[in-house]
Amino acid sequence: MRKRRKHQRRDQRIEQRMRAGQPRSEFGELVKGFVPALLTLGEHLTGAEDAFEAERAAAETLVPMLALDDFRAEMARSLAEGLAAEGGPAALAVLRMLAEFGEGADSDAASGLADGMAASGVADPPWLETLRAPVEALEFRRFSAASEPERAALVASFRRAGVDHGFLVAVDYLRCGAADLVEPVRPGELGEVVSLIGARYAEAGIDPAEEVLDPETAGRFLVGAVQASLDHMAEDGSPCGIGPDADPDSGAVLDRERARGLGALLTRRLRAAGLAGEAPKHGEHVPGGGESPNSP
């Protein structure tokens, strides 16, 4: 808890100095505190068994960091430059992931620095080619039950570089259809996850409705569920009035940030498969086309 509070105070100091208009050279000094932790992440990335493991680890770490107030606008490029200055495969692996999960100029800057390191002879991570391979959407199966109208589960499956994998997403219709669970499903485990869902319903004596969604419907449903969760996490609340309610001194904050990262990973996969269009209006992805009970 003390360590978490220390990091919170550091982040507050960074934000205060950024709002005071300090020049970018001083941001370079401030972001040095992030570099050691990201190099540790890089060591994990370079030793990852596959692209699936690597991008999951990156999503859980990098996305919450990039979501810090004003981070992208002033600090992301300095951070990428700091990693490049460190050199080595670990730094290069993090830069590759910053290029994947960053946006716009920040992504381009990380990609350019990474390409420069690779051209100079630094070894790229072994999963890079798979990470960039085309993604095919396979199937989207949604499970629900009349006796539990407030909840649904969806298993989304994809194929990349000849390997099938996916995501398990649990959605709470009473919270505007927000995703309250996004869990990546490792290659080879999709069938097991579907069986576990069936067993869970069977144990409760429930005969679930199972439907296979067309890709466009599934994409809209999943993008809407992720966006509803992000709306609820927003510090200024959400369209339906449900704002962040986690205790800053509890593990719920960490769970929330992990959910943010895995939601971004799911959105990235949908985008790669051509299914991540514009998010529907808050709550409108709930089946039936109407708004959830908590929508205005």
Protein backbone atom coordinates (compact mmCIF):
# COMPACT_ATOMS: atom_id res chain seq x y z
CA MET A 1 0.00 0.00 0.00
CA ARG A 2 2.86 2.39 0.84
CA LYS A 3 4.46 1.67 -2.53
CA ARG A 4 1.17 2.38 -4.34
CA ARG A 5 0.75 5.67 -2.48
CA LYS A 6 4.33 6.62 -3.30
CA HIS A 7 3.63 6.06 -7.01
CA GLN A 8 0.38 8.05 -6.72
CA ARG A 9 2.26 10.99 -5.19
CA ARG A 10 4.89 10.78 -7.92
CA ASP A 11 2.20 10.82 -10.62
CA GLN A 12 0.56 13.83 -8.97
CA ARG A 13 3.89 15.71 -8.96
CA ILE A 14 4.39 14.90 -12.63
CA GLU A 15 0.91 16.15 -13.53
CA GLN A 16 1.37 19.34 -11.50
CA ARG A 17 4.64 20.15 -13.25
CA MET A 18 3.14 19.37 -16.64
CA ARG A 19 0.25 21.73 -16.02
CA ALA A 20 2.75 24.40 -14.95
CA GLY A 21 4.09 24.39 -18.52
CA GLN A 22 7.58 23.01 -17.98
CA PRO A 23 9.58 22.48 -21.18
CA ARG A 24 9.88 19.03 -22.70
CA SER A 25 13.53 18.67 -21.63
CA GLU A 26 12.33 18.56 -18.04
CA PHE A 27 9.73 15.93 -18.91
CA GLY A 28 12.65 13.81 -20.07
CA GLU A 29 14.03 13.91 -16.54
CA LEU A 30 10.64 13.13 -15.01
CA VAL A 31 9.97 10.04 -17.11
CA LYS A 32 13.27 8.45 -16.13
CA GLY A 33 11.44 6.95 -13.16
CA PHE A 34 9.32 4.91 -15.52
CA VAL A 35 12.19 3.45 -17.53
CA PRO A 36 13.50 0.85 -15.02
CA ALA A 37 10.03 -0.64 -14.53
CA LEU A 38 9.48 -0.79 -18.28
CA LEU A 39 12.84 -2.46 -18.80
CA THR A 40 11.69 -5.12 -16.33
CA LEU A 41 8.57 -5.52 -18.46
CA GLY A 42 10.84 -5.74 -21.49
CA GLU A 43 12.76 -8.63 -19.97
CA HIS A 44 9.46 -10.47 -19.57
CA LEU A 45 8.45 -9.61 -23.12
CA THR A 46 11.67 -10.91 -24.64
CA GLY A 47 11.21 -14.18 -22.74
CA ALA A 48 7.52 -14.57 -23.58
CA GLU A 49 6.53 -17.88 -25.12
CA ASP A 50 4.44 -16.28 -27.84
CA ALA A 51 2.86 -13.04 -29.08
CA PHE A 52 -0.31 -13.78 -27.10
CA GLU A 53 1.53 -13.77 -23.77
CA ALA A 54 3.61 -10.73 -24.73
CA GLU A 55 0.75 -8.49 -25.77
CA ARG A 56 -1.31 -9.43 -22.72
CA ALA A 57 1.54 -8.40 -20.42
CA ALA A 58 2.05 -5.20 -22.37
CA ALA A 59 -1.65 -4.34 -22.32
CA GLU A 60 -1.89 -4.72 -18.56
CA THR A 61 1.13 -2.44 -18.01
CA LEU A 62 1.31 0.08 -20.84
CA VAL A 63 -2.35 0.95 -21.41
CA PRO A 64 -3.00 2.21 -17.83
CA MET A 65 0.22 4.22 -18.03
CA LEU A 66 -0.72 5.81 -21.35
CA ALA A 67 -4.14 6.64 -19.91
CA LEU A 68 -2.65 8.90 -17.20
CA ASP A 69 -3.89 12.48 -17.51
CA ASP A 70 -1.87 14.43 -20.11
CA PHE A 71 0.62 11.55 -20.48
CA ARG A 72 0.40 11.18 -24.24
CA ALA A 73 0.43 14.89 -24.91
CA GLU A 74 3.73 15.62 -23.22
CA MET A 75 5.53 12.54 -21.97
CA ALA A 76 5.15 9.50 -24.24
CA ARG A 77 7.76 10.60 -26.74
CA SER A 78 10.27 11.40 -24.01
CA LEU A 79 9.68 7.97 -22.55
CA ALA A 80 10.27 6.31 -25.92
CA GLU A 81 13.48 8.31 -26.32
CA GLY A 82 14.59 7.24 -22.85
CA LEU A 83 14.04 3.57 -23.72
CA ALA A 84 15.93 3.93 -26.99
CA ALA A 85 18.83 5.53 -25.13
CA GLU A 86 19.02 2.50 -22.82
CA GLY A 87 19.36 0.18 -25.83
CA GLY A 88 19.15 -3.61 -25.81
CA PRO A 89 16.44 -6.17 -26.67
CA ALA A 90 14.31 -5.41 -23.59
CA ALA A 91 14.00 -1.73 -24.50
CA LEU A 92 13.28 -2.62 -28.11
CA ALA A 93 10.50 -5.02 -27.09
CA VAL A 94 8.78 -2.29 -25.04
CA LEU A 95 9.11 0.17 -27.92
CA ARG A 96 7.45 -2.33 -30.25
CA MET A 97 4.54 -2.60 -27.84
CA LEU A 98 4.35 1.17 -27.35
CA ALA A 99 4.02 1.42 -31.13
CA GLU A 100 1.16 -1.10 -31.02
CA PHE A 101 -0.80 0.38 -28.12
CA GLY A 102 0.05 4.05 -28.55
CA GLU A 103 -1.87 6.42 -30.77
CA GLY A 104 -1.01 8.78 -33.57
CA ALA A 105 2.31 10.59 -33.30
CA ASP A 106 3.24 8.71 -30.13
CA SER A 107 2.91 5.37 -31.89
CA ASP A 108 4.85 6.66 -34.89
CA ALA A 109 7.65 7.98 -32.68
CA ALA A 110 8.02 4.65 -30.84
CA SER A 111 7.93 2.75 -34.14
CA GLY A 112 10.60 4.95 -35.69
CA LEU A 113 12.91 4.61 -32.70
CA ALA A 114 12.36 0.84 -32.65
CA ASP A 115 13.14 0.55 -36.37
CA GLY A 116 16.34 2.52 -35.79
CA MET A 117 17.42 0.18 -32.99
CA ALA A 118 16.70 -2.89 -35.12
CA ALA A 119 18.63 -1.42 -38.03
CA SER A 120 21.61 -0.91 -35.73
CA GLY A 121 21.68 -4.62 -34.90
CA VAL A 122 19.53 -4.94 -31.76
CA ALA A 123 17.55 -8.19 -31.90
CA ASP A 124 13.79 -7.84 -32.31
CA PRO A 125 11.54 -9.97 -30.06
CA PRO A 126 10.74 -13.40 -31.55
CA TRP A 127 6.99 -12.72 -31.53
CA LEU A 128 7.06 -9.56 -33.66
CA GLU A 129 6.17 -11.25 -36.95
CA THR A 130 3.17 -13.00 -35.37
CA LEU A 131 2.08 -9.77 -33.68
CA ARG A 132 1.84 -8.13 -37.09
CA ALA A 133 0.15 -11.04 -38.86
CA PRO A 134 -3.38 -10.59 -40.28
CA VAL A 135 -6.24 -11.45 -37.91
CA GLU A 136 -9.35 -13.40 -38.93
CA ALA A 137 -12.54 -13.33 -36.86
CA LEU A 138 -13.82 -16.89 -36.44
CA GLU A 139 -16.91 -17.06 -34.22
CA PHE A 140 -18.78 -15.10 -31.57
CA ARG A 141 -20.99 -17.11 -29.20
CA ARG A 142 -23.19 -15.32 -26.69
CA PHE A 143 -24.70 -17.11 -23.69
CA SER A 144 -27.59 -15.79 -21.61
CA ALA A 145 -30.53 -17.07 -19.57
CA ALA A 146 -34.05 -15.83 -18.95
CA SER A 147 -33.54 -16.38 -15.22
CA GLU A 148 -30.48 -14.10 -15.28
CA PRO A 149 -31.57 -11.29 -17.60
CA GLU A 150 -28.99 -8.92 -16.17
CA ARG A 151 -25.98 -10.83 -17.45
CA ALA A 152 -24.51 -12.37 -20.58
CA ALA A 153 -21.21 -13.98 -21.56
CA LEU A 154 -19.61 -13.92 -24.98
CA VAL A 155 -16.73 -16.00 -26.29
CA ALA A 156 -14.96 -14.36 -29.22
CA SER A 157 -12.52 -16.44 -31.26
CA PHE A 158 -9.87 -15.27 -33.70
CA ARG A 159 -7.12 -16.79 -35.84
CA ARG A 160 -3.70 -15.23 -36.31
CA ALA A 161 -0.69 -16.86 -37.96
CA GLY A 162 -2.63 -20.14 -38.02
CA VAL A 163 -3.30 -20.13 -34.26
CA ASP A 164 -6.78 -19.84 -32.73
CA HIS A 165 -7.28 -17.84 -29.54
CA GLY A 166 -9.93 -15.55 -28.11
CA PHE A 167 -11.55 -13.60 -25.31
CA LEU A 168 -14.19 -14.32 -22.69
CA VAL A 169 -16.30 -11.22 -22.01
CA ALA A 170 -18.91 -10.95 -19.25
CA VAL A 171 -21.43 -8.11 -19.61
CA ASP A 172 -23.68 -6.56 -16.98
CA TYR A 173 -26.85 -5.17 -18.54
CA LEU A 174 -27.79 -3.43 -15.29
CA ARG A 175 -24.66 -1.31 -15.66
CA CYS A 176 -25.42 -0.10 -19.17
CA GLY A 177 -24.06 -3.26 -20.75
CA ALA A 178 -20.55 -2.62 -19.41
CA ALA A 179 -17.98 -5.40 -19.63
CA ASP A 180 -17.08 -6.41 -16.08
CA LEU A 181 -14.72 -9.15 -17.24
CA VAL A 182 -12.43 -9.32 -20.26
CA GLU A 183 -10.21 -12.37 -20.09
CA PRO A 184 -7.94 -13.45 -22.95
CA VAL A 185 -8.27 -17.15 -23.81
CA ARG A 186 -4.99 -18.81 -24.69
CA PRO A 187 -4.49 -20.79 -27.89
CA GLY A 188 -6.02 -24.24 -27.55
CA GLU A 189 -8.30 -23.34 -24.63
CA LEU A 190 -11.41 -22.02 -26.40
CA GLY A 191 -13.27 -25.33 -26.20
CA GLU A 192 -12.50 -25.63 -22.51
CA VAL A 193 -13.87 -22.15 -21.80
CA VAL A 194 -17.12 -22.90 -23.62
CA SER A 195 -17.45 -26.14 -21.64
CA LEU A 196 -16.88 -24.29 -18.37
CA ILE A 197 -19.62 -21.81 -19.19
CA GLY A 198 -22.01 -24.68 -19.89
CA ALA A 199 -21.00 -26.39 -16.64
CA ARG A 200 -21.57 -23.19 -14.67
CA TYR A 201 -25.12 -22.89 -15.96
CA ALA A 202 -25.77 -26.62 -15.44
CA GLU A 203 -24.66 -26.40 -11.79
CA ALA A 204 -27.20 -23.62 -11.29
CA GLY A 205 -29.92 -25.65 -12.97
CA ILE A 206 -30.15 -23.17 -15.84
CA ASP A 207 -30.69 -24.00 -19.50
CA PRO A 208 -28.88 -21.13 -21.26
CA ALA A 209 -29.72 -19.62 -24.59
CA GLU A 210 -26.74 -19.81 -26.92
CA GLU A 211 -26.54 -17.74 -30.08
CA VAL A 212 -23.88 -17.27 -32.73
CA LEU A 213 -23.64 -13.59 -33.60
CA ASP A 214 -22.67 -12.30 -37.00
CA PRO A 215 -19.30 -10.48 -36.89
CA GLU A 216 -20.75 -6.99 -37.31
CA THR A 217 -23.27 -7.46 -34.49
CA ALA A 218 -20.61 -8.98 -32.26
CA GLY A 219 -18.17 -6.18 -32.99
CA ARG A 220 -20.74 -3.52 -32.09
CA PHE A 221 -21.70 -5.41 -28.93
CA LEU A 222 -18.11 -5.81 -27.73
CA VAL A 223 -16.96 -2.29 -28.62
CA GLY A 224 -20.04 -0.92 -26.84
CA ALA A 225 -19.38 -3.06 -23.76
CA VAL A 226 -15.75 -1.94 -23.52
CA GLN A 227 -16.66 1.71 -24.06
CA ALA A 228 -19.39 1.57 -21.40
CA SER A 229 -16.76 0.31 -18.94
CA LEU A 230 -14.41 3.15 -19.89
CA ASP A 231 -17.23 5.67 -19.46
CA HIS A 232 -17.83 4.35 -15.94
CA MET A 233 -14.12 4.62 -15.14
CA ALA A 234 -13.98 8.26 -16.19
CA GLU A 235 -13.25 10.65 -13.36
CA ASP A 236 -16.03 12.99 -14.52
CA GLY A 237 -18.63 10.23 -14.48
CA SER A 238 -20.53 8.73 -17.39
CA PRO A 239 -23.65 9.46 -19.46
CA CYS A 240 -25.77 7.37 -17.07
CA GLY A 241 -24.30 8.84 -13.89
CA ILE A 242 -22.28 5.78 -12.87
CA GLY A 243 -18.77 6.95 -12.08
CA PRO A 244 -15.64 5.40 -10.59
CA ASP A 245 -16.41 3.86 -7.22
CA ALA A 246 -13.22 1.98 -6.36
CA ASP A 247 -11.47 2.70 -3.07
CA PRO A 248 -8.08 4.24 -3.98
CA ASP A 249 -6.46 2.22 -1.19
CA SER A 250 -7.90 -1.13 -2.31
CA GLY A 251 -6.96 -3.68 -4.91
CA ALA A 252 -10.04 -2.65 -6.89
CA VAL A 253 -8.01 0.14 -8.48
CA LEU A 254 -5.49 -2.36 -9.81
CA ASP A 255 -8.29 -4.56 -11.10
CA ARG A 256 -9.84 -1.54 -12.81
CA GLU A 257 -6.60 -0.62 -14.54
CA ARG A 258 -6.05 -4.24 -15.60
CA ALA A 259 -9.55 -4.23 -17.07
CA ARG A 260 -8.70 -1.07 -18.98
CA GLY A 261 -5.65 -2.74 -20.51
CA LEU A 262 -7.40 -5.97 -21.47
CA GLY A 263 -10.31 -4.00 -22.91
CA ALA A 264 -7.81 -2.17 -25.11
CA LEU A 265 -6.32 -5.51 -26.17
CA LEU A 266 -9.77 -6.80 -27.18
CA THR A 267 -10.48 -3.59 -29.10
CA ARG A 268 -7.13 -3.90 -30.85
CA ARG A 269 -7.99 -7.45 -31.92
CA LEU A 270 -11.40 -6.38 -33.21
CA ARG A 271 -9.76 -3.55 -35.12
CA ALA A 272 -7.26 -5.93 -36.71
CA ALA A 273 -10.18 -8.09 -37.84
CA GLY A 274 -11.99 -5.07 -39.29
CA LEU A 275 -14.74 -5.07 -36.65
CA ALA A 276 -13.95 -2.15 -34.33
CA GLY A 277 -16.14 0.59 -35.73
CA GLU A 278 -17.38 3.64 -33.89
CA ALA A 279 -18.73 2.79 -30.47
CA PRO A 280 -22.54 2.96 -30.17
CA LYS A 281 -24.16 5.47 -27.85
CA HIS A 282 -23.70 4.54 -24.21
CA GLY A 283 -25.81 1.43 -23.51
CA GLU A 284 -27.28 1.08 -27.00
CA HIS A 285 -25.45 -2.18 -27.70
CA VAL A 286 -27.70 -3.96 -25.17
CA PRO A 287 -29.87 -6.50 -27.03
CA GLY A 288 -33.19 -5.09 -28.12
CA GLY A 289 -31.65 -1.82 -29.25
CA GLY A 290 -32.82 0.07 -26.19
CA GLU A 291 -30.91 1.61 -23.34
CA SER A 292 -30.09 -0.15 -20.11
CA PRO A 293 -32.08 0.49 -16.91
CA ASN A 294 -29.42 2.93 -15.67
CA SER A 295 -29.31 5.04 -18.84
CA PRO A 296 -30.90 8.48 -18.75
